[in-house]
PDB file of all heavy atoms in Angstrom:
ATOM      1  N   ARG A   1       0.838  -1.220   0.012  1.00  0.00           N
ATOM      2  CA  ARG A   1      -0.001   0.007   0.012  1.00  0.00           C
ATOM      3  C   ARG A   1       0.857   1.257  -0.004  1.00  0.00           C
ATOM      4  O   ARG A   1       2.029   1.230   0.471  1.00  0.00           O
ATOM      5  CB  ARG A   1      -0.934   0.010   1.207  1.00  0.00           C
ATOM      6  CG  ARG A   1      -0.237  -0.017   2.593  1.00  0.00           C
ATOM      7  CD  ARG A   1      -1.272  -0.105   3.679  1.00  0.00           C
ATOM      8  NE  ARG A   1      -0.648  -0.331   4.972  1.00  0.00           N
ATOM      9  CZ  ARG A   1      -0.489   0.672   5.849  1.00  0.00           C
ATOM     10  NH1 ARG A   1      -0.796   1.871   5.540  1.00  0.00           N
ATOM     11  NH2 ARG A   1       0.040   0.393   7.038  1.00  0.00           N
ATOM     12  N   ASP A   2       0.281   2.280  -0.531  1.00  0.00           N
ATOM     13  CA  ASP A   2       0.908   3.635  -0.530  1.00  0.00           C
ATOM     14  C   ASP A   2      -0.074   4.539   0.121  1.00  0.00           C
ATOM     15  O   ASP A   2      -1.041   4.943  -0.452  1.00  0.00           O
ATOM     16  CB  ASP A   2       1.232   4.058  -1.967  1.00  0.00           C
ATOM     17  CG  ASP A   2       2.005   5.345  -2.055  1.00  0.00           C
ATOM     18  OD1 ASP A   2       1.848   6.173  -1.171  1.00  0.00           O
ATOM     19  OD2 ASP A   2       2.747   5.528  -3.022  1.00  0.00           O
ATOM     20  N   ASN A   3       0.260   4.909   1.383  1.00  0.00           N
ATOM     21  CA  ASN A   3      -0.714   5.770   2.096  1.00  0.00           C
ATOM     22  C   ASN A   3      -0.824   7.111   1.493  1.00  0.00           C
ATOM     23  O   ASN A   3      -1.924   7.755   1.465  1.00  0.00           O
ATOM     24  CB  ASN A   3      -0.253   5.896   3.540  1.00  0.00           C
ATOM     25  CG  ASN A   3      -0.356   4.615   4.305  1.00  0.00           C
ATOM     26  OD1 ASN A   3      -1.058   3.668   3.870  1.00  0.00           O
ATOM     27  ND2 ASN A   3       0.290   4.533   5.434  1.00  0.00           N
ATOM     28  N   ALA A   4       0.253   7.669   0.932  1.00  0.00           N
ATOM     29  CA  ALA A   4       0.215   9.006   0.315  1.00  0.00           C
ATOM     30  C   ALA A   4      -0.749   9.061  -0.867  1.00  0.00           C
ATOM     31  O   ALA A   4      -1.407  10.043  -1.052  1.00  0.00           O
ATOM     32  CB  ALA A   4       1.595   9.426  -0.076  1.00  0.00           C
ATOM     33  N   LYS A   5      -0.803   7.958  -1.584  1.00  0.00           N
ATOM     34  CA  LYS A   5      -1.723   7.883  -2.736  1.00  0.00           C
ATOM     35  C   LYS A   5      -3.053   7.221  -2.386  1.00  0.00           C
ATOM     36  O   LYS A   5      -3.921   7.082  -3.248  1.00  0.00           O
ATOM     37  CB  LYS A   5      -1.049   7.082  -3.861  1.00  0.00           C
ATOM     38  CG  LYS A   5       0.191   7.779  -4.381  1.00  0.00           C
ATOM     39  CD  LYS A   5       0.766   6.971  -5.538  1.00  0.00           C
ATOM     40  CE  LYS A   5       2.045   7.660  -6.115  1.00  0.00           C
ATOM     41  NZ  LYS A   5       2.635   6.881  -7.244  1.00  0.00           N
ATOM     42  N   ASN A   6      -3.160   6.785  -1.140  1.00  0.00           N
ATOM     43  CA  ASN A   6      -4.334   6.049  -0.669  1.00  0.00           C
ATOM     44  C   ASN A   6      -4.725   4.955  -1.627  1.00  0.00           C
ATOM     45  O   ASN A   6      -5.897   4.760  -2.061  1.00  0.00           O
ATOM     46  CB  ASN A   6      -5.560   7.042  -0.513  1.00  0.00           C
ATOM     47  CG  ASN A   6      -6.515   6.548   0.545  1.00  0.00           C
ATOM     48  OD1 ASN A   6      -6.082   5.871   1.521  1.00  0.00           O
ATOM     49  ND2 ASN A   6      -7.747   6.866   0.390  1.00  0.00           N
ATOM     50  N   THR A   7      -3.700   4.149  -1.924  1.00  0.00           N
ATOM     51  CA  THR A   7      -3.834   3.074  -2.945  1.00  0.00           C
ATOM     52  C   THR A   7      -3.247   1.797  -2.406  1.00  0.00           C
ATOM     53  O   THR A   7      -2.187   1.831  -1.777  1.00  0.00           O
ATOM     54  CB  THR A   7      -3.179   3.479  -4.245  1.00  0.00           C
ATOM     55  OG1 THR A   7      -3.827   4.671  -4.781  1.00  0.00           O
ATOM     56  CG2 THR A   7      -3.247   2.407  -5.310  1.00  0.00           C
ATOM     57  N   MET A   8      -3.956   0.700  -2.700  1.00  0.00           N
ATOM     58  CA  MET A   8      -3.393  -0.621  -2.436  1.00  0.00           C
ATOM     59  C   MET A   8      -3.045  -1.330  -3.750  1.00  0.00           C
ATOM     60  O   MET A   8      -3.668  -1.032  -4.727  1.00  0.00           O
ATOM     61  CB  MET A   8      -4.460  -1.426  -1.715  1.00  0.00           C
ATOM     62  CG  MET A   8      -4.035  -2.859  -1.330  1.00  0.00           C
ATOM     63  SD  MET A   8      -5.216  -3.752  -0.335  1.00  0.00           S
ATOM     64  CE  MET A   8      -6.515  -4.024  -1.561  1.00  0.00           C
ATOM     65  N   TYR A   9      -2.030  -2.106  -3.686  1.00  0.00           N
ATOM     66  CA  TYR A   9      -1.517  -2.793  -4.881  1.00  0.00           C
ATOM     67  C   TYR A   9      -1.536  -4.299  -4.701  1.00  0.00           C
ATOM     68  O   TYR A   9      -1.407  -4.832  -3.592  1.00  0.00           O
ATOM     69  CB  TYR A   9      -0.103  -2.321  -5.201  1.00  0.00           C
ATOM     70  CG  TYR A   9       0.022  -0.847  -5.407  1.00  0.00           C
ATOM     71  CD1 TYR A   9       0.495  -0.018  -4.377  1.00  0.00           C
ATOM     72  CD2 TYR A   9      -0.286  -0.258  -6.627  1.00  0.00           C
ATOM     73  CE1 TYR A   9       0.601   1.338  -4.526  1.00  0.00           C
ATOM     74  CE2 TYR A   9      -0.205   1.105  -6.787  1.00  0.00           C
ATOM     75  CZ  TYR A   9       0.238   1.898  -5.763  1.00  0.00           C
ATOM     76  OH  TYR A   9       0.354   3.267  -5.912  1.00  0.00           O
ATOM     77  N   LEU A  10      -1.658  -4.974  -5.797  1.00  0.00           N
ATOM     78  CA  LEU A  10      -1.478  -6.464  -5.875  1.00  0.00           C
ATOM     79  C   LEU A  10      -0.466  -6.710  -6.965  1.00  0.00           C
ATOM     80  O   LEU A  10      -0.777  -6.587  -8.142  1.00  0.00           O
ATOM     81  CB  LEU A  10      -2.794  -7.180  -6.116  1.00  0.00           C
ATOM     82  CG  LEU A  10      -2.728  -8.677  -6.201  1.00  0.00           C
ATOM     83  CD1 LEU A  10      -2.307  -9.265  -4.824  1.00  0.00           C
ATOM     84  CD2 LEU A  10      -4.002  -9.294  -6.652  1.00  0.00           C
ATOM     85  N   GLN A  11       0.764  -7.034  -6.548  1.00  0.00           N
ATOM     86  CA  GLN A  11       1.764  -7.391  -7.526  1.00  0.00           C
ATOM     87  C   GLN A  11       1.643  -8.915  -7.808  1.00  0.00           C
ATOM     88  O   GLN A  11       1.729  -9.678  -6.848  1.00  0.00           O
ATOM     89  CB  GLN A  11       3.166  -7.071  -6.996  1.00  0.00           C
ATOM     90  CG  GLN A  11       4.306  -7.505  -7.853  1.00  0.00           C
ATOM     91  CD  GLN A  11       4.351  -6.699  -9.154  1.00  0.00           C
ATOM     92  OE1 GLN A  11       4.200  -5.520  -9.176  1.00  0.00           O
ATOM     93  NE2 GLN A  11       4.535  -7.422 -10.255  1.00  0.00           N
ATOM     94  N   MET A  12       1.493  -9.262  -9.060  1.00  0.00           N
ATOM     95  CA  MET A  12       1.265 -10.655  -9.421  1.00  0.00           C
ATOM     96  C   MET A  12       2.438 -11.073 -10.340  1.00  0.00           C
ATOM     97  O   MET A  12       2.594 -10.550 -11.420  1.00  0.00           O
ATOM     98  CB  MET A  12      -0.082 -10.815 -10.135  1.00  0.00           C
ATOM     99  CG  MET A  12      -1.261 -10.282  -9.296  1.00  0.00           C
ATOM    100  SD  MET A  12      -2.838 -10.608 -10.095  1.00  0.00           S
ATOM    101  CE  MET A  12      -2.697  -9.631 -11.592  1.00  0.00           C
ATOM    102  N   ASN A  13       3.229 -12.036  -9.894  1.00  0.00           N
ATOM    103  CA  ASN A  13       4.320 -12.547 -10.621  1.00  0.00           C
ATOM    104  C   ASN A  13       4.097 -14.038 -10.990  1.00  0.00           C
ATOM    105  O   ASN A  13       3.237 -14.694 -10.366  1.00  0.00           O
ATOM    106  CB  ASN A  13       5.627 -12.412  -9.840  1.00  0.00           C
ATOM    107  CG  ASN A  13       5.969 -11.000  -9.522  1.00  0.00           C
ATOM    108  OD1 ASN A  13       5.646 -10.045 -10.317  1.00  0.00           O
ATOM    109  ND2 ASN A  13       6.588 -10.763  -8.376  1.00  0.00           N
ATOM    110  N   SER A  14       4.835 -14.527 -11.949  1.00  0.00           N
ATOM    111  CA  SER A  14       4.755 -15.935 -12.355  1.00  0.00           C
ATOM    112  C   SER A  14       3.302 -16.315 -12.580  1.00  0.00           C
ATOM    113  O   SER A  14       2.814 -17.373 -12.128  1.00  0.00           O
ATOM    114  CB  SER A  14       5.370 -16.815 -11.258  1.00  0.00           C
ATOM    115  OG  SER A  14       6.703 -16.450 -10.997  1.00  0.00           O
ATOM    116  N   LEU A  15       2.604 -15.510 -13.333  1.00  0.00           N
ATOM    117  CA  LEU A  15       1.192 -15.768 -13.588  1.00  0.00           C
ATOM    118  C   LEU A  15       0.941 -17.026 -14.360  1.00  0.00           C
ATOM    119  O   LEU A  15       1.753 -17.422 -15.220  1.00  0.00           O
ATOM    120  CB  LEU A  15       0.590 -14.556 -14.274  1.00  0.00           C
ATOM    121  CG  LEU A  15       0.330 -13.351 -13.411  1.00  0.00           C
ATOM    122  CD1 LEU A  15       0.126 -12.101 -14.277  1.00  0.00           C
ATOM    123  CD2 LEU A  15      -0.903 -13.563 -12.532  1.00  0.00           C
ATOM    124  N   LYS A  16      -0.154 -17.654 -14.029  1.00  0.00           N
ATOM    125  CA  LYS A  16      -0.566 -18.918 -14.642  1.00  0.00           C
ATOM    126  C   LYS A  16      -1.935 -18.726 -15.339  1.00  0.00           C
ATOM    127  O   LYS A  16      -2.698 -17.880 -14.894  1.00  0.00           O
ATOM    128  CB  LYS A  16      -0.641 -20.002 -13.581  1.00  0.00           C
ATOM    129  CG  LYS A  16       0.581 -20.204 -12.738  1.00  0.00           C
ATOM    130  CD  LYS A  16       0.369 -21.216 -11.640  1.00  0.00           C
ATOM    131  CE  LYS A  16       1.600 -21.377 -10.806  1.00  0.00           C
ATOM    132  NZ  LYS A  16       1.345 -22.395  -9.681  1.00  0.00           N
ATOM    133  N   PRO A  17      -2.179 -19.589 -16.316  1.00  0.00           N
ATOM    134  CA  PRO A  17      -3.564 -19.471 -16.907  1.00  0.00           C
ATOM    135  C   PRO A  17      -4.693 -19.564 -15.916  1.00  0.00           C
ATOM    136  O   PRO A  17      -5.731 -18.913 -16.085  1.00  0.00           O
ATOM    137  CB  PRO A  17      -3.561 -20.623 -17.908  1.00  0.00           C
ATOM    138  CG  PRO A  17      -2.122 -20.806 -18.280  1.00  0.00           C
ATOM    139  CD  PRO A  17      -1.365 -20.506 -17.044  1.00  0.00           C
ATOM    140  N   GLU A  18      -4.502 -20.331 -14.879  1.00  0.00           N
ATOM    141  CA  GLU A  18      -5.538 -20.478 -13.866  1.00  0.00           C
ATOM    142  C   GLU A  18      -5.768 -19.226 -12.982  1.00  0.00           C
ATOM    143  O   GLU A  18      -6.705 -19.158 -12.196  1.00  0.00           O
ATOM    144  CB  GLU A  18      -5.329 -21.655 -12.986  1.00  0.00           C
ATOM    145  CG  GLU A  18      -3.918 -21.755 -12.351  1.00  0.00           C
ATOM    146  CD  GLU A  18      -2.998 -22.639 -13.200  1.00  0.00           C
ATOM    147  OE1 GLU A  18      -2.984 -22.573 -14.417  1.00  0.00           O
ATOM    148  OE2 GLU A  18      -2.221 -23.388 -12.524  1.00  0.00           O
ATOM    149  N   ASP A  19      -4.901 -18.221 -13.153  1.00  0.00           N
ATOM    150  CA  ASP A  19      -5.113 -16.944 -12.486  1.00  0.00           C
ATOM    151  C   ASP A  19      -6.038 -16.026 -13.241  1.00  0.00           C
ATOM    152  O   ASP A  19      -6.367 -14.983 -12.740  1.00  0.00           O
ATOM    153  CB  ASP A  19      -3.763 -16.226 -12.349  1.00  0.00           C
ATOM    154  CG  ASP A  19      -2.796 -16.944 -11.422  1.00  0.00           C
ATOM    155  OD1 ASP A  19      -3.221 -17.450 -10.358  1.00  0.00           O
ATOM    156  OD2 ASP A  19      -1.576 -16.968 -11.725  1.00  0.00           O
ATOM    157  N   THR A  20      -6.464 -16.467 -14.427  1.00  0.00           N
ATOM    158  CA  THR A  20      -7.422 -15.676 -15.249  1.00  0.00           C
ATOM    159  C   THR A  20      -8.758 -15.490 -14.464  1.00  0.00           C
ATOM    160  O   THR A  20      -9.342 -16.461 -14.029  1.00  0.00           O
ATOM    161  CB  THR A  20      -7.644 -16.341 -16.590  1.00  0.00           C
ATOM    162  OG1 THR A  20      -6.436 -16.366 -17.342  1.00  0.00           O
ATOM    163  CG2 THR A  20      -8.701 -15.590 -17.370  1.00  0.00           C
ATOM    164  N   ALA A  21      -9.115 -14.288 -14.294  1.00  0.00           N
ATOM    165  CA  ALA A  21     -10.338 -13.971 -13.568  1.00  0.00           C
ATOM    166  C   ALA A  21     -10.560 -12.438 -13.548  1.00  0.00           C
ATOM    167  O   ALA A  21      -9.673 -11.671 -13.938  1.00  0.00           O
ATOM    168  CB  ALA A  21     -10.221 -14.447 -12.116  1.00  0.00           C
ATOM    169  N   VAL A  22     -11.677 -12.041 -13.042  1.00  0.00           N
ATOM    170  CA  VAL A  22     -11.928 -10.639 -12.711  1.00  0.00           C
ATOM    171  C   VAL A  22     -11.432 -10.458 -11.297  1.00  0.00           C
ATOM    172  O   VAL A  22     -11.862 -11.219 -10.368  1.00  0.00           O
ATOM    173  CB  VAL A  22     -13.401 -10.217 -12.886  1.00  0.00           C
ATOM    174  CG1 VAL A  22     -13.576  -8.798 -12.417  1.00  0.00           C
ATOM    175  CG2 VAL A  22     -13.844 -10.411 -14.325  1.00  0.00           C
ATOM    176  N   TYR A  23     -10.594  -9.466 -11.062  1.00  0.00           N
ATOM    177  CA  TYR A  23     -10.046  -9.237  -9.718  1.00  0.00           C
ATOM    178  C   TYR A  23     -10.742  -8.019  -9.101  1.00  0.00           C
ATOM    179  O   TYR A  23     -10.894  -6.995  -9.791  1.00  0.00           O
ATOM    180  CB  TYR A  23      -8.566  -9.004  -9.816  1.00  0.00           C
ATOM    181  CG  TYR A  23      -7.770 -10.289 -10.021  1.00  0.00           C
ATOM    182  CD1 TYR A  23      -7.823 -10.965 -11.236  1.00  0.00           C
ATOM    183  CD2 TYR A  23      -6.983 -10.803  -9.009  1.00  0.00           C
ATOM    184  CE1 TYR A  23      -7.145 -12.167 -11.409  1.00  0.00           C
ATOM    185  CE2 TYR A  23      -6.307 -11.995  -9.184  1.00  0.00           C
ATOM    186  CZ  TYR A  23      -6.351 -12.642 -10.347  1.00  0.00           C
ATOM    187  OH  TYR A  23      -5.667 -13.834 -10.541  1.00  0.00           O
ATOM    188  N   TYR A  24     -11.110  -8.206  -7.845  1.00  0.00           N
ATOM    189  CA  TYR A  24     -11.783  -7.159  -7.126  1.00  0.00           C
ATOM    190  C   TYR A  24     -10.997  -6.783  -5.890  1.00  0.00           C
ATOM    191  O   TYR A  24     -10.442  -7.647  -5.170  1.00  0.00           O
ATOM    192  CB  TYR A  24     -13.182  -7.637  -6.658  1.00  0.00           C
ATOM    193  CG  TYR A  24     -14.114  -8.014  -7.749  1.00  0.00           C
ATOM    194  CD1 TYR A  24     -14.127  -9.331  -8.267  1.00  0.00           C
ATOM    195  CD2 TYR A  24     -14.986  -7.080  -8.303  1.00  0.00           C
ATOM    196  CE1 TYR A  24     -15.014  -9.672  -9.247  1.00  0.00           C
ATOM    197  CE2 TYR A  24     -15.865  -7.455  -9.295  1.00  0.00           C
ATOM    198  CZ  TYR A  24     -15.901  -8.712  -9.789  1.00  0.00           C
ATOM    199  OH  TYR A  24     -16.772  -9.096 -10.772  1.00  0.00           O
ATOM    200  N   CYS A  25     -10.970  -5.517  -5.583  1.00  0.00           N
ATOM    201  CA  CYS A  25     -10.519  -5.120  -4.246  1.00  0.00           C
ATOM    202  C   CYS A  25     -11.695  -4.848  -3.376  1.00  0.00           C
ATOM    203  O   CYS A  25     -12.770  -4.453  -3.809  1.00  0.00           O
ATOM    204  CB  CYS A  25      -9.529  -3.959  -4.292  1.00  0.00           C
ATOM    205  SG  CYS A  25     -10.271  -2.382  -4.782  1.00  0.00           S
ATOM    206  N   ALA A  26     -11.525  -5.062  -2.088  1.00  0.00           N
ATOM    207  CA  ALA A  26     -12.596  -4.917  -1.124  1.00  0.00           C
ATOM    208  C   ALA A  26     -12.030  -4.301   0.153  1.00  0.00           C
ATOM    209  O   ALA A  26     -10.830  -4.398   0.449  1.00  0.00           O
ATOM    210  CB  ALA A  26     -13.209  -6.232  -0.828  1.00  0.00           C
ATOM    211  N   SER A  27     -12.914  -3.630   0.888  1.00  0.00           N
ATOM    212  CA  SER A  27     -12.498  -2.951   2.085  1.00  0.00           C
ATOM    213  C   SER A  27     -13.498  -3.125   3.181  1.00  0.00           C
ATOM    214  O   SER A  27     -14.742  -3.207   2.917  1.00  0.00           O
ATOM    215  CB  SER A  27     -12.364  -1.420   1.717  1.00  0.00           C
ATOM    216  OG  SER A  27     -12.218  -0.654   2.874  1.00  0.00           O
ATOM    217  N   ASP A  28     -13.000  -3.129   4.362  1.00  0.00           N
ATOM    218  CA  ASP A  28     -13.885  -3.160   5.530  1.00  0.00           C
ATOM    219  C   ASP A  28     -13.204  -2.389   6.677  1.00  0.00           C
ATOM    220  O   ASP A  28     -12.001  -2.476   6.847  1.00  0.00           O
ATOM    221  CB  ASP A  28     -14.202  -4.557   5.979  1.00  0.00           C
ATOM    222  CG  ASP A  28     -15.415  -4.605   6.846  1.00  0.00           C
ATOM    223  OD1 ASP A  28     -16.536  -4.515   6.352  1.00  0.00           O
ATOM    224  OD2 ASP A  28     -15.224  -4.704   8.070  1.00  0.00           O
TER     225      ASP A  28
END
């Protein structure tokens, strides 16, 4: 996360075909 930008990140490496999907961020 970058608090200054108020942004969360998901770094995805070594991606596989089974990672194919719609990705959602969520907050509580």
